[in-house]
Amino acid sequence: MEVINYTEKKEDTTTVSLMHLSQLLGYFIGFGSLIAPLVIWLSSRDRIEGMDEHGKQAVSFQLSLLIYIFVSIPLIFALGLGLLTLLFTVAIGFVMPVVNALRAGRGEAPNYFMTIRFLS
């Protein structure tokens, strides 16, 4: 009889990369950029090596983007500079998940720009 050890984590860089790319759903579905990585992270953080670190970074990044967007909207009406910060936030929100998906595919640690660390 073979004993299966369910506590051992497996290395699956594809799932970790897909978790990062799932953040791009926000451009097609409202809160998909937060919900999809959150579901993937919570469902596989105990089974996949490195998923906990990558998932915390991705969720913190999406929460940070929401804060930046909510701050930049009143700044559009107040100073007009909010439009620049909103465009910058949208650009960073598109580029950084792709960069970190590539990093995850190579087995490297995530590195999100301008992230407030909500989960550590």
PDB file of N, CA and C in Angstrom:
ATOM      1  N   MET A   1       0.841  -1.168   0.000  1.00  0.00           N
ATOM      2  CA  MET A   1       0.000   0.000   0.000  1.00  0.00           C
ATOM      3  C   MET A   1       0.890   1.237   0.000  1.00  0.00           C
ATOM      4  N   GLU A   2       0.543   2.198  -0.811  1.00  0.00           N
ATOM      5  CA  GLU A   2       1.323   3.431  -0.922  1.00  0.00           C
ATOM      6  C   GLU A   2       0.728   4.508  -0.024  1.00  0.00           C
ATOM      7  N   VAL A   3       1.586   5.170   0.717  1.00  0.00           N
ATOM      8  CA  VAL A   3       1.149   6.251   1.605  1.00  0.00           C
ATOM      9  C   VAL A   3       1.362   7.567   0.873  1.00  0.00           C
ATOM     10  N   ILE A   4       0.324   8.369   0.826  1.00  0.00           N
ATOM     11  CA  ILE A   4       0.399   9.671   0.161  1.00  0.00           C
ATOM     12  C   ILE A   4       0.503  10.747   1.219  1.00  0.00           C
ATOM     13  N   ASN A   5       1.499  11.586   1.093  1.00  0.00           N
ATOM     14  CA  ASN A   5       1.714  12.677   2.030  1.00  0.00           C
ATOM     15  C   ASN A   5       1.071  13.939   1.477  1.00  0.00           C
ATOM     16  N   TYR A   6      -0.044  14.363   2.060  1.00  0.00           N
ATOM     17  CA  TYR A   6      -0.747  15.553   1.583  1.00  0.00           C
ATOM     18  C   TYR A   6      -0.196  16.846   2.173  1.00  0.00           C
ATOM     19  N   THR A   7       0.723  16.743   3.121  1.00  0.00           N
ATOM     20  CA  THR A   7       1.285  17.951   3.716  1.00  0.00           C
ATOM     21  C   THR A   7       2.464  18.478   2.926  1.00  0.00           C
ATOM     22  N   GLU A   8       2.998  17.693   2.032  1.00  0.00           N
ATOM     23  CA  GLU A   8       4.135  18.131   1.227  1.00  0.00           C
ATOM     24  C   GLU A   8       3.649  19.039   0.107  1.00  0.00           C
ATOM     25  N   LYS A   9       4.299  20.185  -0.025  1.00  0.00           N
ATOM     26  CA  LYS A   9       3.912  21.135  -1.065  1.00  0.00           C
ATOM     27  C   LYS A   9       4.613  20.788  -2.364  1.00  0.00           C
ATOM     28  N   LYS A  10       3.897  20.934  -3.459  1.00  0.00           N
ATOM     29  CA  LYS A  10       4.500  20.672  -4.757  1.00  0.00           C
ATOM     30  C   LYS A  10       4.864  21.997  -5.424  1.00  0.00           C
ATOM     31  N   GLU A  11       5.798  21.933  -6.333  1.00  0.00           N
ATOM     32  CA  GLU A  11       6.220  23.128  -7.052  1.00  0.00           C
ATOM     33  C   GLU A  11       5.427  23.213  -8.349  1.00  0.00           C
ATOM     34  N   ASP A  12       4.640  24.273  -8.488  1.00  0.00           N
ATOM     35  CA  ASP A  12       3.788  24.453  -9.661  1.00  0.00           C
ATOM     36  C   ASP A  12       3.852  25.921 -10.072  1.00  0.00           C
ATOM     37  N   THR A  13       4.827  26.242 -10.904  1.00  0.00           N
ATOM     38  CA  THR A  13       4.993  27.636 -11.307  1.00  0.00           C
ATOM     39  C   THR A  13       3.900  28.081 -12.266  1.00  0.00           C
ATOM     40  N   THR A  14       3.241  27.153 -12.933  1.00  0.00           N
ATOM     41  CA  THR A  14       2.175  27.515 -13.857  1.00  0.00           C
ATOM     42  C   THR A  14       0.978  28.101 -13.110  1.00  0.00           C
ATOM     43  N   THR A  15       0.578  27.474 -12.032  1.00  0.00           N
ATOM     44  CA  THR A  15      -0.552  27.976 -11.248  1.00  0.00           C
ATOM     45  C   THR A  15      -0.216  29.312 -10.610  1.00  0.00           C
ATOM     46  N   VAL A  16       0.998  29.471 -10.147  1.00  0.00           N
ATOM     47  CA  VAL A  16       1.408  30.744  -9.554  1.00  0.00           C
ATOM     48  C   VAL A  16       1.395  31.840 -10.623  1.00  0.00           C
ATOM     49  N   SER A  17       1.866  31.536 -11.816  1.00  0.00           N
ATOM     50  CA  SER A  17       1.844  32.509 -12.911  1.00  0.00           C
ATOM     51  C   SER A  17       0.410  32.867 -13.304  1.00  0.00           C
ATOM     52  N   LEU A  18      -0.465  31.873 -13.354  1.00  0.00           N
ATOM     53  CA  LEU A  18      -1.864  32.138 -13.694  1.00  0.00           C
ATOM     54  C   LEU A  18      -2.556  32.982 -12.621  1.00  0.00           C
ATOM     55  N   MET A  19      -2.148  32.797 -11.364  1.00  0.00           N
ATOM     56  CA  MET A  19      -2.699  33.628 -10.297  1.00  0.00           C
ATOM     57  C   MET A  19      -2.346  35.095 -10.535  1.00  0.00           C
ATOM     58  N   HIS A  20      -1.110  35.361 -10.960  1.00  0.00           N
ATOM     59  CA  HIS A  20      -0.716  36.742 -11.258  1.00  0.00           C
ATOM     60  C   HIS A  20      -1.485  37.274 -12.465  1.00  0.00           C
ATOM     61  N   LEU A  21      -1.624  36.460 -13.502  1.00  0.00           N
ATOM     62  CA  LEU A  21      -2.323  36.904 -14.709  1.00  0.00           C
ATOM     63  C   LEU A  21      -3.823  37.069 -14.485  1.00  0.00           C
ATOM     64  N   SER A  22      -4.368  36.400 -13.469  1.00  0.00           N
ATOM     65  CA  SER A  22      -5.801  36.543 -13.194  1.00  0.00           C
ATOM     66  C   SER A  22      -6.151  37.958 -12.720  1.00  0.00           C
ATOM     67  N   GLN A  23      -5.155  38.727 -12.327  1.00  0.00           N
ATOM     68  CA  GLN A  23      -5.399  40.115 -11.934  1.00  0.00           C
ATOM     69  C   GLN A  23      -5.859  40.968 -13.114  1.00  0.00           C
ATOM     70  N   LEU A  24      -5.559  40.521 -14.320  1.00  0.00           N
ATOM     71  CA  LEU A  24      -5.964  41.268 -15.509  1.00  0.00           C
ATOM     72  C   LEU A  24      -7.456  41.138 -15.789  1.00  0.00           C
ATOM     73  N   LEU A  25      -8.153  40.269 -15.074  1.00  0.00           N
ATOM     74  CA  LEU A  25      -9.599  40.151 -15.234  1.00  0.00           C
ATOM     75  C   LEU A  25     -10.325  41.439 -14.851  1.00  0.00           C
ATOM     76  N   GLY A  26      -9.687  42.256 -14.050  1.00  0.00           N
ATOM     77  CA  GLY A  26     -10.277  43.527 -13.643  1.00  0.00           C
ATOM     78  C   GLY A  26     -10.540  44.461 -14.807  1.00  0.00           C
ATOM     79  N   TYR A  27      -9.844  44.284 -15.897  1.00  0.00           N
ATOM     80  CA  TYR A  27     -10.075  45.112 -17.079  1.00  0.00           C
ATOM     81  C   TYR A  27     -11.299  44.651 -17.858  1.00  0.00           C
ATOM     82  N   PHE A  28     -11.796  43.454 -17.557  1.00  0.00           N
ATOM     83  CA  PHE A  28     -12.963  42.909 -18.252  1.00  0.00           C
ATOM     84  C   PHE A  28     -14.152  42.740 -17.315  1.00  0.00           C
ATOM     85  N   ILE A  29     -13.884  42.365 -16.063  1.00  0.00           N
ATOM     86  CA  ILE A  29     -14.918  42.137 -15.064  1.00  0.00           C
ATOM     87  C   ILE A  29     -14.595  43.035 -13.875  1.00  0.00           C
ATOM     88  N   GLY A  30     -15.561  43.694 -13.322  1.00  0.00           N
ATOM     89  CA  GLY A  30     -15.390  44.660 -12.242  1.00  0.00           C
ATOM     90  C   GLY A  30     -14.329  44.362 -11.212  1.00  0.00           C
ATOM     91  N   PHE A  31     -14.643  43.578 -10.206  1.00  0.00           N
ATOM     92  CA  PHE A  31     -13.698  43.283  -9.137  1.00  0.00           C
ATOM     93  C   PHE A  31     -12.977  41.963  -9.360  1.00  0.00           C
ATOM     94  N   GLY A  32     -12.916  41.503 -10.594  1.00  0.00           N
ATOM     95  CA  GLY A  32     -12.225  40.260 -10.908  1.00  0.00           C
ATOM     96  C   GLY A  32     -10.754  40.312 -10.601  1.00  0.00           C
ATOM     97  N   SER A  33     -10.179  41.504 -10.633  1.00  0.00           N
ATOM     98  CA  SER A  33      -8.744  41.633 -10.364  1.00  0.00           C
ATOM     99  C   SER A  33      -8.407  41.369  -8.906  1.00  0.00           C
ATOM    100  N   LEU A  34      -9.366  41.487  -8.026  1.00  0.00           N
ATOM    101  CA  LEU A  34      -9.129  41.194  -6.616  1.00  0.00           C
ATOM    102  C   LEU A  34      -9.651  39.815  -6.239  1.00  0.00           C
ATOM    103  N   ILE A  35     -10.811  39.463  -6.753  1.00  0.00           N
ATOM    104  CA  ILE A  35     -11.459  38.216  -6.344  1.00  0.00           C
ATOM    105  C   ILE A  35     -10.752  36.988  -6.910  1.00  0.00           C
ATOM    106  N   ALA A  36     -10.381  37.011  -8.180  1.00  0.00           N
ATOM    107  CA  ALA A  36      -9.759  35.831  -8.807  1.00  0.00           C
ATOM    108  C   ALA A  36      -8.434  35.452  -8.140  1.00  0.00           C
ATOM    109  N   PRO A  37      -7.479  36.379  -7.947  1.00  0.00           N
ATOM    110  CA  PRO A  37      -6.243  35.964  -7.263  1.00  0.00           C
ATOM    111  C   PRO A  37      -6.485  35.562  -5.815  1.00  0.00           C
ATOM    112  N   LEU A  38      -7.472  36.186  -5.173  1.00  0.00           N
ATOM    113  CA  LEU A  38      -7.785  35.842  -3.793  1.00  0.00           C
ATOM    114  C   LEU A  38      -8.289  34.403  -3.692  1.00  0.00           C
ATOM    115  N   VAL A  39      -9.158  34.007  -4.600  1.00  0.00           N
ATOM    116  CA  VAL A  39      -9.687  32.637  -4.595  1.00  0.00           C
ATOM    117  C   VAL A  39      -8.584  31.634  -4.917  1.00  0.00           C
ATOM    118  N   ILE A  40      -7.766  31.933  -5.919  1.00  0.00           N
ATOM    119  CA  ILE A  40      -6.676  31.013  -6.284  1.00  0.00           C
ATOM    120  C   ILE A  40      -5.671  30.887  -5.146  1.00  0.00           C
ATOM    121  N   TRP A  41      -5.339  32.012  -4.539  1.00  0.00           N
ATOM    122  CA  TRP A  41      -4.374  31.997  -3.432  1.00  0.00           C
ATOM    123  C   TRP A  41      -4.907  31.212  -2.242  1.00  0.00           C
ATOM    124  N   LEU A  42      -6.145  31.489  -1.828  1.00  0.00           N
ATOM    125  CA  LEU A  42      -6.697  30.820  -0.657  1.00  0.00           C
ATOM    126  C   LEU A  42      -6.919  29.327  -0.881  1.00  0.00           C
ATOM    127  N   SER A  43      -7.216  28.939  -2.107  1.00  0.00           N
ATOM    128  CA  SER A  43      -7.482  27.527  -2.364  1.00  0.00           C
ATOM    129  C   SER A  43      -6.217  26.693  -2.538  1.00  0.00           C
ATOM    130  N   SER A  44      -5.089  27.326  -2.836  1.00  0.00           N
ATOM    131  CA  SER A  44      -3.891  26.524  -3.103  1.00  0.00           C
ATOM    132  C   SER A  44      -2.655  26.961  -2.329  1.00  0.00           C
ATOM    133  N   ARG A  45      -2.793  27.800  -1.334  1.00  0.00           N
ATOM    134  CA  ARG A  45      -1.611  28.269  -0.603  1.00  0.00           C
ATOM    135  C   ARG A  45      -0.968  27.176   0.237  1.00  0.00           C
ATOM    136  N   ASP A  46      -1.749  26.177   0.633  1.00  0.00           N
ATOM    137  CA  ASP A  46      -1.189  25.097   1.446  1.00  0.00           C
ATOM    138  C   ASP A  46      -0.644  23.952   0.605  1.00  0.00           C
ATOM    139  N   ARG A  47      -0.942  23.949  -0.685  1.00  0.00           N
ATOM    140  CA  ARG A  47      -0.538  22.834  -1.535  1.00  0.00           C
ATOM    141  C   ARG A  47       0.617  23.172  -2.475  1.00  0.00           C
ATOM    142  N   ILE A  48       0.795  24.446  -2.809  1.00  0.00           N
ATOM    143  CA  ILE A  48       1.799  24.832  -3.808  1.00  0.00           C
ATOM    144  C   ILE A  48       2.881  25.677  -3.145  1.00  0.00           C
ATOM    145  N   GLU A  49       4.105  25.290  -3.398  1.00  0.00           N
ATOM    146  CA  GLU A  49       5.252  25.985  -2.830  1.00  0.00           C
ATOM    147  C   GLU A  49       5.366  27.400  -3.404  1.00  0.00           C
ATOM    148  N   GLY A  50       5.482  28.389  -2.545  1.00  0.00           N
ATOM    149  CA  GLY A  50       5.632  29.770  -2.968  1.00  0.00           C
ATOM    150  C   GLY A  50       4.323  30.499  -3.223  1.00  0.00           C
ATOM    151  N   MET A  51       3.209  29.784  -3.222  1.00  0.00           N
ATOM    152  CA  MET A  51       1.927  30.424  -3.513  1.00  0.00           C
ATOM    153  C   MET A  51       1.535  31.409  -2.420  1.00  0.00           C
ATOM    154  N   ASP A  52       1.864  31.109  -1.183  1.00  0.00           N
ATOM    155  CA  ASP A  52       1.488  32.003  -0.088  1.00  0.00           C
ATOM    156  C   ASP A  52       2.141  33.365  -0.249  1.00  0.00           C
ATOM    157  N   GLU A  53       3.426  33.382  -0.548  1.00  0.00           N
ATOM    158  CA  GLU A  53       4.142  34.646  -0.730  1.00  0.00           C
ATOM    159  C   GLU A  53       3.625  35.403  -1.948  1.00  0.00           C
ATOM    160  N   HIS A  54       3.443  34.723  -3.061  1.00  0.00           N
ATOM    161  CA  HIS A  54       2.968  35.366  -4.285  1.00  0.00           C
ATOM    162  C   HIS A  54       1.538  35.865  -4.124  1.00  0.00           C
ATOM    163  N   GLY A  55       0.698  35.068  -3.461  1.00  0.00           N
ATOM    164  CA  GLY A  55      -0.690  35.461  -3.271  1.00  0.00           C
ATOM    165  C   GLY A  55      -0.838  36.675  -2.380  1.00  0.00           C
ATOM    166  N   LYS A  56      -0.069  36.725  -1.304  1.00  0.00           N
ATOM    167  CA  LYS A  56      -0.111  37.893  -0.410  1.00  0.00           C
ATOM    168  C   LYS A  56       0.302  39.155  -1.159  1.00  0.00           C
ATOM    169  N   GLN A  57       1.340  39.047  -1.959  1.00  0.00           N
ATOM    170  CA  GLN A  57       1.809  40.200  -2.723  1.00  0.00           C
ATOM    171  C   GLN A  57       0.763  40.659  -3.736  1.00  0.00           C
ATOM    172  N   ALA A  58       0.132  39.709  -4.434  1.00  0.00           N
ATOM    173  CA  ALA A  58      -0.848  40.059  -5.462  1.00  0.00           C
ATOM    174  C   ALA A  58      -2.087  40.709  -4.853  1.00  0.00           C
ATOM    175  N   VAL A  59      -2.581  40.166  -3.751  1.00  0.00           N
ATOM    176  CA  VAL A  59      -3.767  40.735  -3.109  1.00  0.00           C
ATOM    177  C   VAL A  59      -3.446  42.103  -2.521  1.00  0.00           C
ATOM    178  N   SER A  60      -2.284  42.247  -1.899  1.00  0.00           N
ATOM    179  CA  SER A  60      -1.877  43.550  -1.375  1.00  0.00           C
ATOM    180  C   SER A  60      -1.737  44.575  -2.498  1.00  0.00           C
ATOM    181  N   PHE A  61      -1.221  44.143  -3.639  1.00  0.00           N
ATOM    182  CA  PHE A  61      -1.077  45.039  -4.783  1.00  0.00           C
ATOM    183  C   PHE A  61      -2.441  45.518  -5.271  1.00  0.00           C
ATOM    184  N   GLN A  62      -3.406  44.619  -5.361  1.00  0.00           N
ATOM    185  CA  GLN A  62      -4.733  45.003  -5.829  1.00  0.00           C
ATOM    186  C   GLN A  62      -5.428  45.923  -4.837  1.00  0.00           C
ATOM    187  N   LEU A  63      -5.260  45.685  -3.547  1.00  0.00           N
ATOM    188  CA  LEU A  63      -5.826  46.591  -2.547  1.00  0.00           C
ATOM    189  C   LEU A  63      -5.162  47.965  -2.621  1.00  0.00           C
ATOM    190  N   SER A  64      -3.859  47.982  -2.868  1.00  0.00           N
ATOM    191  CA  SER A  64      -3.150  49.255  -3.025  1.00  0.00           C
ATOM    192  C   SER A  64      -3.652  50.019  -4.242  1.00  0.00           C
ATOM    193  N   LEU A  65      -3.885  49.308  -5.346  1.00  0.00           N
ATOM    194  CA  LEU A  65      -4.409  49.963  -6.545  1.00  0.00           C
ATOM    195  C   LEU A  65      -5.783  50.562  -6.304  1.00  0.00           C
ATOM    196  N   LEU A  66      -6.631  49.848  -5.562  1.00  0.00           N
ATOM    197  CA  LEU A  66      -7.949  50.400  -5.238  1.00  0.00           C
ATOM    198  C   LEU A  66      -7.833  51.693  -4.441  1.00  0.00           C
ATOM    199  N   ILE A  67      -6.934  51.732  -3.485  1.00  0.00           N
ATOM    200  CA  ILE A  67      -6.723  52.949  -2.701  1.00  0.00           C
ATOM    201  C   ILE A  67      -6.227  54.072  -3.595  1.00  0.00           C
ATOM    202  N   TYR A  68      -5.269  53.785  -4.481  1.00  0.00           N
ATOM    203  CA  TYR A  68      -4.737  54.819  -5.375  1.00  0.00           C
ATOM    204  C   TYR A  68      -5.822  55.354  -6.309  1.00  0.00           C
ATOM    205  N   ILE A  69      -6.697  54.480  -6.770  1.00  0.00           N
ATOM    206  CA  ILE A  69      -7.779  54.922  -7.651  1.00  0.00           C
ATOM    207  C   ILE A  69      -8.764  55.791  -6.878  1.00  0.00           C
ATOM    208  N   PHE A  70      -9.133  55.370  -5.664  1.00  0.00           N
ATOM    209  CA  PHE A  70     -10.071  56.155  -4.869  1.00  0.00           C
ATOM    210  C   PHE A  70      -9.497  57.513  -4.472  1.00  0.00           C
ATOM    211  N   VAL A  71      -8.209  57.610  -4.301  1.00  0.00           N
ATOM    212  CA  VAL A  71      -7.571  58.893  -3.976  1.00  0.00           C
ATOM    213  C   VAL A  71      -7.475  59.779  -5.217  1.00  0.00           C
ATOM    214  N   SER A  72      -7.217  59.188  -6.369  1.00  0.00           N
ATOM    215  CA  SER A  72      -7.015  59.991  -7.576  1.00  0.00           C
ATOM    216  C   SER A  72      -8.322  60.557  -8.141  1.00  0.00           C
ATOM    217  N   ILE A  73      -9.459  59.931  -7.869  1.00  0.00           N
ATOM    218  CA  ILE A  73     -10.727  60.437  -8.408  1.00  0.00           C
ATOM    219  C   ILE A  73     -11.066  61.821  -7.858  1.00  0.00           C
ATOM    220  N   PRO A  74     -11.009  62.069  -6.543  1.00  0.00           N
ATOM    221  CA  PRO A  74     -11.255  63.445  -6.081  1.00  0.00           C
ATOM    222  C   PRO A  74     -10.185  64.435  -6.547  1.00  0.00           C
ATOM    223  N   LEU A  75      -8.960  63.945  -6.752  1.00  0.00           N
ATOM    224  CA  LEU A  75      -7.900  64.833  -7.212  1.00  0.00           C
ATOM    225  C   LEU A  75      -8.133  65.297  -8.647  1.00  0.00           C
ATOM    226  N   ILE A  76      -8.913  64.564  -9.414  1.00  0.00           N
ATOM    227  CA  ILE A  76      -9.253  65.013 -10.773  1.00  0.00           C
ATOM    228  C   ILE A  76     -10.048  66.300 -10.695  1.00  0.00           C
ATOM    229  N   PHE A  77     -10.990  66.350  -9.782  1.00  0.00           N
ATOM    230  CA  PHE A  77     -11.833  67.540  -9.647  1.00  0.00           C
ATOM    231  C   PHE A  77     -11.121  68.666  -8.908  1.00  0.00           C
ATOM    232  N   ALA A  78     -10.244  68.318  -7.989  1.00  0.00           N
ATOM    233  CA  ALA A  78      -9.575  69.328  -7.185  1.00  0.00           C
ATOM    234  C   ALA A  78      -8.431  69.992  -7.944  1.00  0.00           C
ATOM    235  N   LEU A  79      -7.533  69.242  -8.461  1.00  0.00           N
ATOM    236  CA  LEU A  79      -6.333  69.813  -9.057  1.00  0.00           C
ATOM    237  C   LEU A  79      -6.125  69.433 -10.519  1.00  0.00           C
ATOM    238  N   GLY A  80      -6.817  68.439 -10.979  1.00  0.00           N
ATOM    239  CA  GLY A  80      -6.603  67.962 -12.334  1.00  0.00           C
ATOM    240  C   GLY A  80      -5.436  66.996 -12.439  1.00  0.00           C
ATOM    241  N   LEU A  81      -4.651  66.898 -11.374  1.00  0.00           N
ATOM    242  CA  LEU A  81      -3.521  65.966 -11.371  1.00  0.00           C
ATOM    243  C   LEU A  81      -3.971  64.526 -11.157  1.00  0.00           C
ATOM    244  N   GLY A  82      -5.193  64.369 -10.716  1.00  0.00           N
ATOM    245  CA  GLY A  82      -5.702  63.032 -10.480  1.00  0.00           C
ATOM    246  C   GLY A  82      -5.788  62.211 -11.749  1.00  0.00           C
ATOM    247  N   LEU A  83      -5.936  62.894 -12.876  1.00  0.00           N
ATOM    248  CA  LEU A  83      -5.988  62.180 -14.151  1.00  0.00           C
ATOM    249  C   LEU A  83      -4.648  61.495 -14.444  1.00  0.00           C
ATOM    250  N   LEU A  84      -3.558  62.175 -14.140  1.00  0.00           N
ATOM    251  CA  LEU A  84      -2.237  61.570 -14.334  1.00  0.00           C
ATOM    252  C   LEU A  84      -2.023  60.386 -13.393  1.00  0.00           C
ATOM    253  N   THR A  85      -2.422  60.544 -12.144  1.00  0.00           N
ATOM    254  CA  THR A  85      -2.249  59.435 -11.202  1.00  0.00           C
ATOM    255  C   THR A  85      -3.162  58.267 -11.556  1.00  0.00           C
ATOM    256  N   LEU A  86      -4.346  58.552 -12.075  1.00  0.00           N
ATOM    257  CA  LEU A  86      -5.253  57.484 -12.487  1.00  0.00           C
ATOM    258  C   LEU A  86      -4.688  56.722 -13.681  1.00  0.00           C
ATOM    259  N   LEU A  87      -4.146  57.429 -14.654  1.00  0.00           N
ATOM    260  CA  LEU A  87      -3.542  56.766 -15.816  1.00  0.00           C
ATOM    261  C   LEU A  87      -2.310  55.961 -15.416  1.00  0.00           C
ATOM    262  N   PHE A  88      -1.517  56.502 -14.505  1.00  0.00           N
ATOM    263  CA  PHE A  88      -0.345  55.786 -14.018  1.00  0.00           C
ATOM    264  C   PHE A  88      -0.757  54.519 -13.282  1.00  0.00           C
ATOM    265  N   THR A  89      -1.807  54.603 -12.481  1.00  0.00           N
ATOM    266  CA  THR A  89      -2.297  53.446 -11.735  1.00  0.00           C
ATOM    267  C   THR A  89      -2.811  52.364 -12.670  1.00  0.00           C
ATOM    268  N   VAL A  90      -3.527  52.759 -13.712  1.00  0.00           N
ATOM    269  CA  VAL A  90      -4.038  51.790 -14.682  1.00  0.00           C
ATOM    270  C   VAL A  90      -2.879  51.113 -15.418  1.00  0.00           C
ATOM    271  N   ALA A  91      -1.874  51.889 -15.794  1.00  0.00           N
ATOM    272  CA  ALA A  91      -0.722  51.319 -16.499  1.00  0.00           C
ATOM    273  C   ALA A  91       0.050  50.346 -15.607  1.00  0.00           C
ATOM    274  N   ILE A  92       0.296  50.734 -14.364  1.00  0.00           N
ATOM    275  CA  ILE A  92       1.014  49.863 -13.426  1.00  0.00           C
ATOM    276  C   ILE A  92       0.188  48.614 -13.130  1.00  0.00           C
ATOM    277  N   GLY A  93      -1.135  48.772 -13.052  1.00  0.00           N
ATOM    278  CA  GLY A  93      -2.013  47.643 -12.795  1.00  0.00           C
ATOM    279  C   GLY A  93      -2.033  46.641 -13.930  1.00  0.00           C
ATOM    280  N   PHE A  94      -1.644  47.053 -15.123  1.00  0.00           N
ATOM    281  CA  PHE A  94      -1.579  46.133 -16.259  1.00  0.00           C
ATOM    282  C   PHE A  94      -0.187  45.509 -16.402  1.00  0.00           C
ATOM    283  N   VAL A  95       0.841  46.296 -16.196  1.00  0.00           N
ATOM    284  CA  VAL A  95       2.211  45.844 -16.444  1.00  0.00           C
ATOM    285  C   VAL A  95       2.731  44.926 -15.332  1.00  0.00           C
ATOM    286  N   MET A  96       2.499  45.286 -14.083  1.00  0.00           N
ATOM    287  CA  MET A  96       3.106  44.539 -12.980  1.00  0.00           C
ATOM    288  C   MET A  96       2.622  43.092 -12.857  1.00  0.00           C
ATOM    289  N   PRO A  97       1.344  42.772 -13.074  1.00  0.00           N
ATOM    290  CA  PRO A  97       0.975  41.354 -13.039  1.00  0.00           C
ATOM    291  C   PRO A  97       1.660  40.526 -14.125  1.00  0.00           C
ATOM    292  N   VAL A  98       1.865  41.111 -15.299  1.00  0.00           N
ATOM    293  CA  VAL A  98       2.541  40.380 -16.374  1.00  0.00           C
ATOM    294  C   VAL A  98       4.004  40.145 -16.010  1.00  0.00           C
ATOM    295  N   VAL A  99       4.655  41.171 -15.480  1.00  0.00           N
ATOM    296  CA  VAL A  99       6.061  41.042 -15.079  1.00  0.00           C
ATOM    297  C   VAL A  99       6.207  39.986 -13.983  1.00  0.00           C
ATOM    298  N   ASN A 100       5.311  40.011 -13.005  1.00  0.00           N
ATOM    299  CA  ASN A 100       5.420  39.055 -11.908  1.00  0.00           C
ATOM    300  C   ASN A 100       4.986  37.652 -12.316  1.00  0.00           C
ATOM    301  N   ALA A 101       4.140  37.517 -13.315  1.00  0.00           N
ATOM    302  CA  ALA A 101       3.823  36.188 -13.840  1.00  0.00           C
ATOM    303  C   ALA A 101       5.061  35.585 -14.499  1.00  0.00           C
ATOM    304  N   LEU A 102       5.813  36.406 -15.205  1.00  0.00           N
ATOM    305  CA  LEU A 102       7.063  35.929 -15.806  1.00  0.00           C
ATOM    306  C   LEU A 102       8.084  35.568 -14.732  1.00  0.00           C
ATOM    307  N   ARG A 103       8.153  36.377 -13.679  1.00  0.00           N
ATOM    308  CA  ARG A 103       9.064  36.076 -12.569  1.00  0.00           C
ATOM    309  C   ARG A 103       8.671  34.780 -11.877  1.00  0.00           C
ATOM    310  N   ALA A 104       7.372  34.564 -11.697  1.00  0.00           N
ATOM    311  CA  ALA A 104       6.900  33.332 -11.047  1.00  0.00           C
ATOM    312  C   ALA A 104       7.205  32.118 -11.910  1.00  0.00           C
ATOM    313  N   GLY A 105       7.122  32.272 -13.209  1.00  0.00           N
ATOM    314  CA  GLY A 105       7.449  31.171 -14.112  1.00  0.00           C
ATOM    315  C   GLY A 105       8.909  30.760 -14.023  1.00  0.00           C
ATOM    316  N   ARG A 106       9.767  31.712 -13.681  1.00  0.00           N
ATOM    317  CA  ARG A 106      11.187  31.410 -13.514  1.00  0.00           C
ATOM    318  C   ARG A 106      11.525  30.997 -12.084  1.00  0.00           C
ATOM    319  N   GLY A 107      10.525  31.004 -11.192  1.00  0.00           N
ATOM    320  CA  GLY A 107      10.755  30.607  -9.802  1.00  0.00           C
ATOM    321  C   GLY A 107      11.295  31.711  -8.929  1.00  0.00           C
ATOM    322  N   GLU A 108      11.170  32.965  -9.354  1.00  0.00           N
ATOM    323  CA  GLU A 108      11.671  34.100  -8.584  1.00  0.00           C
ATOM    324  C   GLU A 108      10.583  34.656  -7.672  1.00  0.00           C
ATOM    325  N   ALA A 109      10.986  35.434  -6.705  1.00  0.00           N
ATOM    326  CA  ALA A 109      10.050  36.055  -5.765  1.00  0.00           C
ATOM    327  C   ALA A 109       9.329  37.226  -6.446  1.00  0.00           C
ATOM    328  N   PRO A 110       8.095  37.521  -6.010  1.00  0.00           N
ATOM    329  CA  PRO A 110       7.365  38.638  -6.611  1.00  0.00           C
ATOM    330  C   PRO A 110       7.933  39.976  -6.163  1.00  0.00           C
ATOM    331  N   ASN A 111       7.763  40.987  -7.002  1.00  0.00           N
ATOM    332  CA  ASN A 111       8.220  42.328  -6.692  1.00  0.00           C
ATOM    333  C   ASN A 111       7.237  43.315  -7.310  1.00  0.00           C
ATOM    334  N   TYR A 112       6.280  43.766  -6.506  1.00  0.00           N
ATOM    335  CA  TYR A 112       5.279  44.717  -6.986  1.00  0.00           C
ATOM    336  C   TYR A 112       5.690  46.124  -6.604  1.00  0.00           C
ATOM    337  N   PHE A 113       5.600  47.018  -7.571  1.00  0.00           N
ATOM    338  CA  PHE A 113       5.959  48.416  -7.419  1.00  0.00           C
ATOM    339  C   PHE A 113       4.843  49.147  -6.685  1.00  0.00           C
ATOM    340  N   MET A 114       5.190  49.982  -5.724  1.00  0.00           N
ATOM    341  CA  MET A 114       4.255  50.844  -4.978  1.00  0.00           C
ATOM    342  C   MET A 114       3.168  50.053  -4.253  1.00  0.00           C
ATOM    343  N   THR A 115       3.520  48.978  -3.613  1.00  0.00           N
ATOM    344  CA  THR A 115       2.543  48.155  -2.907  1.00  0.00           C
ATOM    345  C   THR A 115       2.584  48.437  -1.421  1.00  0.00           C
ATOM    346  N   ILE A 116       1.407  48.664  -0.854  1.00  0.00           N
ATOM    347  CA  ILE A 116       1.263  48.764   0.581  1.00  0.00           C
ATOM    348  C   ILE A 116       1.094  47.332   1.088  1.00  0.00           C
ATOM    349  N   ARG A 117       1.922  46.907   1.993  1.00  0.00           N
ATOM    350  CA  ARG A 117       1.891  45.505   2.451  1.00  0.00           C
ATOM    351  C   ARG A 117       0.794  45.343   3.498  1.00  0.00           C
ATOM    352  N   PHE A 118      -0.389  44.934   3.044  1.00  0.00           N
ATOM    353  CA  PHE A 118      -1.495  44.667   3.945  1.00  0.00           C
ATOM    354  C   PHE A 118      -1.346  43.298   4.601  1.00  0.00           C
ATOM    355  N   LEU A 119      -0.874  42.338   3.834  1.00  0.00           N
ATOM    356  CA  LEU A 119      -0.674  40.973   4.316  1.00  0.00           C
ATOM    357  C   LEU A 119       0.816  40.699   4.358  1.00  0.00           C
ATOM    358  N   SER A 120       1.292  40.211   5.483  1.00  0.00           N
ATOM    359  CA  SER A 120       2.736  39.953   5.540  1.00  0.00           C
ATOM    360  C   SER A 120       3.070  38.574   5.990  1.00  0.00           C
TER     361      SER A 120
END
